[in-house]
Amino acid sequence: MAFQFKLIPIYTTRGDLGAFLAYPYIYNPSGEWIGWVTPERDVYSVYGGYVGWLGKGPRILRKQADSFGRVRQSVPQPPEPIRPPARVPLAPMMPELPMGIIDVLDEDPDLMPCLDFGEERMDLE
């Protein structure tokens, strides 16, 4: 019997689908692993860098000038890719963000690349 898990859509402030959460893993809309969330709701990239936190909605949020002094986390074993659903529910109405807080998937999605993309990937040479 295959493992069953619940996929939770993560939306952007604009109401677009930004990612999926299959706790603790976060996947992009194509089903590739892009990060994970801790029990404290902190979000890290596949390279262990701090991204922000999982807010209500849910959204991935961060302070504009955050991550300085944050310790890089050890990366968990990469999970298998997922097959995202063809349809997801409409996004809920998102409240406006306070000054100094950004929606990562809207304003800085490069913080969450999949393993074979991004500035921190290891060269294959």
C-alpha atoms as a PDB file:
ATOM      1  CA  MET A   1       0.000   0.000   0.000  1.00  0.00           C
ATOM      2  CA  ALA A   2       1.365   3.436  -0.952  1.00  0.00           C
ATOM      3  CA  PHE A   3       2.077   6.068   1.674  1.00  0.00           C
ATOM      4  CA  GLN A   4      -0.742   8.611   1.889  1.00  0.00           C
ATOM      5  CA  PHE A   5      -0.111  12.218   2.828  1.00  0.00           C
ATOM      6  CA  LYS A   6      -2.125  15.391   2.724  1.00  0.00           C
ATOM      7  CA  LEU A   7      -0.954  18.087   0.332  1.00  0.00           C
ATOM      8  CA  ILE A   8      -1.632  21.578   1.612  1.00  0.00           C
ATOM      9  CA  PRO A   9      -1.505  24.328  -1.017  1.00  0.00           C
ATOM     10  CA  ILE A  10       0.663  27.321  -0.111  1.00  0.00           C
ATOM     11  CA  TYR A  11      -0.525  30.467  -1.829  1.00  0.00           C
ATOM     12  CA  THR A  12       1.062  33.796  -2.611  1.00  0.00           C
ATOM     13  CA  THR A  13      -0.366  37.083  -1.423  1.00  0.00           C
ATOM     14  CA  ARG A  14      -1.680  37.637  -4.957  1.00  0.00           C
ATOM     15  CA  GLY A  15      -3.651  34.389  -4.714  1.00  0.00           C
ATOM     16  CA  ASP A  16      -1.488  32.227  -6.973  1.00  0.00           C
ATOM     17  CA  LEU A  17      -0.463  28.697  -6.087  1.00  0.00           C
ATOM     18  CA  GLY A  18       3.138  28.987  -4.897  1.00  0.00           C
ATOM     19  CA  ALA A  19       3.951  25.571  -3.438  1.00  0.00           C
ATOM     20  CA  PHE A  20       2.633  22.479  -1.678  1.00  0.00           C
ATOM     21  CA  LEU A  21       3.307  21.335   1.857  1.00  0.00           C
ATOM     22  CA  ALA A  22       3.442  17.602   2.573  1.00  0.00           C
ATOM     23  CA  TYR A  23       4.714  18.062   6.111  1.00  0.00           C
ATOM     24  CA  PRO A  24       7.565  18.635   6.642  1.00  0.00           C
ATOM     25  CA  TYR A  25       8.522  18.943   2.965  1.00  0.00           C
ATOM     26  CA  ILE A  26       7.683  21.845   0.661  1.00  0.00           C
ATOM     27  CA  TYR A  27       7.385  21.288  -3.095  1.00  0.00           C
ATOM     28  CA  ASN A  28       7.041  23.693  -6.017  1.00  0.00           C
ATOM     29  CA  PRO A  29       3.893  23.487  -8.188  1.00  0.00           C
ATOM     30  CA  SER A  30       5.714  21.014 -10.482  1.00  0.00           C
ATOM     31  CA  GLY A  31       6.249  18.589  -7.578  1.00  0.00           C
ATOM     32  CA  GLU A  32       9.985  19.187  -7.023  1.00  0.00           C
ATOM     33  CA  TRP A  33      11.330  19.485  -3.482  1.00  0.00           C
ATOM     34  CA  ILE A  34      12.248  23.098  -2.608  1.00  0.00           C
ATOM     35  CA  GLY A  35      12.483  23.118   1.181  1.00  0.00           C
ATOM     36  CA  TRP A  36      11.104  22.015   4.507  1.00  0.00           C
ATOM     37  CA  VAL A  37       9.359  23.442   7.543  1.00  0.00           C
ATOM     38  CA  THR A  38      10.292  22.810  11.176  1.00  0.00           C
ATOM     39  CA  PRO A  39       7.807  22.158  13.989  1.00  0.00           C
ATOM     40  CA  GLU A  40       8.366  25.839  14.948  1.00  0.00           C
ATOM     41  CA  ARG A  41       7.155  26.796  11.419  1.00  0.00           C
ATOM     42  CA  ASP A  42      10.595  28.011  10.259  1.00  0.00           C
ATOM     43  CA  VAL A  43      11.175  27.383   6.548  1.00  0.00           C
ATOM     44  CA  TYR A  44      14.530  26.298   5.067  1.00  0.00           C
ATOM     45  CA  SER A  45      15.653  25.768   1.472  1.00  0.00           C
ATOM     46  CA  VAL A  46      16.972  22.480   0.085  1.00  0.00           C
ATOM     47  CA  TYR A  47      20.461  23.870   0.756  1.00  0.00           C
ATOM     48  CA  GLY A  48      19.758  24.476   4.467  1.00  0.00           C
ATOM     49  CA  GLY A  49      19.512  28.263   4.274  1.00  0.00           C
ATOM     50  CA  TYR A  50      16.887  30.074   6.298  1.00  0.00           C
ATOM     51  CA  VAL A  51      14.026  31.308   4.120  1.00  0.00           C
ATOM     52  CA  GLY A  52      11.415  32.591   6.559  1.00  0.00           C
ATOM     53  CA  TRP A  53       8.393  31.171   8.346  1.00  0.00           C
ATOM     54  CA  LEU A  54       5.119  29.552   7.408  1.00  0.00           C
ATOM     55  CA  GLY A  55       2.434  32.111   8.094  1.00  0.00           C
ATOM     56  CA  LYS A  56      -1.315  31.830   8.086  1.00  0.00           C
ATOM     57  CA  GLY A  57      -3.069  31.377   4.802  1.00  0.00           C
ATOM     58  CA  PRO A  58      -0.607  29.585   4.474  1.00  0.00           C
ATOM     59  CA  ARG A  59       2.127  31.781   3.019  1.00  0.00           C
ATOM     60  CA  ILE A  60       5.918  31.725   3.314  1.00  0.00           C
ATOM     61  CA  LEU A  61       6.933  35.023   4.874  1.00  0.00           C
ATOM     62  CA  ARG A  62      10.137  36.710   6.000  1.00  0.00           C
ATOM     63  CA  LYS A  63      11.428  40.027   7.242  1.00  0.00           C
ATOM     64  CA  GLN A  64      13.070  41.965   4.440  1.00  0.00           C
ATOM     65  CA  ALA A  65      16.466  42.011   6.169  1.00  0.00           C
ATOM     66  CA  ASP A  66      16.356  38.612   7.857  1.00  0.00           C
ATOM     67  CA  SER A  67      18.682  35.590   7.856  1.00  0.00           C
ATOM     68  CA  PHE A  68      21.778  37.431   9.023  1.00  0.00           C
ATOM     69  CA  GLY A  69      23.369  35.365  11.761  1.00  0.00           C
ATOM     70  CA  ARG A  70      21.099  32.376  11.130  1.00  0.00           C
ATOM     71  CA  VAL A  71      22.857  29.039  11.290  1.00  0.00           C
ATOM     72  CA  ARG A  72      22.589  26.900   8.173  1.00  0.00           C
ATOM     73  CA  GLN A  73      20.653  23.730   8.992  1.00  0.00           C
ATOM     74  CA  SER A  74      21.704  20.230   8.033  1.00  0.00           C
ATOM     75  CA  VAL A  75      19.640  19.142   5.082  1.00  0.00           C
ATOM     76  CA  PRO A  76      17.337  16.142   5.480  1.00  0.00           C
ATOM     77  CA  GLN A  77      17.380  13.258   3.035  1.00  0.00           C
ATOM     78  CA  PRO A  78      15.664  14.444  -0.175  1.00  0.00           C
ATOM     79  CA  PRO A  79      12.136  13.071  -0.478  1.00  0.00           C
ATOM     80  CA  GLU A  80      10.666  11.598  -3.621  1.00  0.00           C
ATOM     81  CA  PRO A  81       9.028  14.088  -6.001  1.00  0.00           C
ATOM     82  CA  ILE A  82       5.260  14.297  -5.769  1.00  0.00           C
ATOM     83  CA  ARG A  83       2.539  14.323  -8.389  1.00  0.00           C
ATOM     84  CA  PRO A  84       0.668  17.546  -7.700  1.00  0.00           C
ATOM     85  CA  PRO A  85      -3.092  17.580  -8.177  1.00  0.00           C
ATOM     86  CA  ALA A  86      -4.493  19.008 -11.395  1.00  0.00           C
ATOM     87  CA  ARG A  87      -6.692  21.416  -9.450  1.00  0.00           C
ATOM     88  CA  VAL A  88      -6.435  23.158  -6.117  1.00  0.00           C
ATOM     89  CA  PRO A  89      -9.007  25.172  -4.180  1.00  0.00           C
ATOM     90  CA  LEU A  90      -9.121  28.902  -4.731  1.00  0.00           C
ATOM     91  CA  ALA A  91      -6.844  30.867  -2.452  1.00  0.00           C
ATOM     92  CA  PRO A  92      -8.399  32.415   0.624  1.00  0.00           C
ATOM     93  CA  MET A  93      -8.429  36.197   0.925  1.00  0.00           C
ATOM     94  CA  MET A  94      -5.012  37.121   2.270  1.00  0.00           C
ATOM     95  CA  PRO A  95      -4.602  40.002   4.692  1.00  0.00           C
ATOM     96  CA  GLU A  96      -2.191  42.758   3.744  1.00  0.00           C
ATOM     97  CA  LEU A  97       1.324  42.217   5.044  1.00  0.00           C
ATOM     98  CA  PRO A  98       2.813  44.596   7.620  1.00  0.00           C
ATOM     99  CA  MET A  99       5.609  46.933   6.552  1.00  0.00           C
ATOM    100  CA  GLY A 100       8.950  45.092   6.375  1.00  0.00           C
ATOM    101  CA  ILE A 101       7.441  41.604   5.807  1.00  0.00           C
ATOM    102  CA  ILE A 102       7.572  40.030   2.341  1.00  0.00           C
ATOM    103  CA  ASP A 103       5.892  37.059   0.732  1.00  0.00           C
ATOM    104  CA  VAL A 104       8.855  34.893  -0.330  1.00  0.00           C
ATOM    105  CA  LEU A 105       7.077  33.096  -3.174  1.00  0.00           C
ATOM    106  CA  ASP A 106       5.842  36.435  -4.571  1.00  0.00           C
ATOM    107  CA  GLU A 107       8.884  38.649  -4.101  1.00  0.00           C
ATOM    108  CA  ASP A 108      11.938  36.388  -3.752  1.00  0.00           C
ATOM    109  CA  PRO A 109      11.179  32.867  -5.059  1.00  0.00           C
ATOM    110  CA  ASP A 110      14.899  32.322  -5.821  1.00  0.00           C
ATOM    111  CA  LEU A 111      15.356  31.665  -2.087  1.00  0.00           C
ATOM    112  CA  MET A 112      13.644  28.305  -2.661  1.00  0.00           C
ATOM    113  CA  PRO A 113      15.138  26.610  -5.744  1.00  0.00           C
ATOM    114  CA  CYS A 114      14.872  22.887  -6.342  1.00  0.00           C
ATOM    115  CA  LEU A 115      18.037  20.792  -5.884  1.00  0.00           C
ATOM    116  CA  ASP A 116      19.283  21.083  -9.464  1.00  0.00           C
ATOM    117  CA  PHE A 117      18.928  24.888  -9.617  1.00  0.00           C
ATOM    118  CA  GLY A 118      20.118  27.803  -7.579  1.00  0.00           C
ATOM    119  CA  GLU A 119      23.399  29.482  -6.783  1.00  0.00           C
ATOM    120  CA  GLU A 120      24.317  27.010  -4.049  1.00  0.00           C
ATOM    121  CA  ARG A 121      24.108  23.792  -6.066  1.00  0.00           C
ATOM    122  CA  MET A 122      27.278  21.825  -6.452  1.00  0.00           C
ATOM    123  CA  ASP A 123      28.970  21.849  -9.855  1.00  0.00           C
ATOM    124  CA  LEU A 124      28.777  18.556 -11.708  1.00  0.00           C
ATOM    125  CA  GLU A 125      32.286  18.905 -13.140  1.00  0.00           C
END
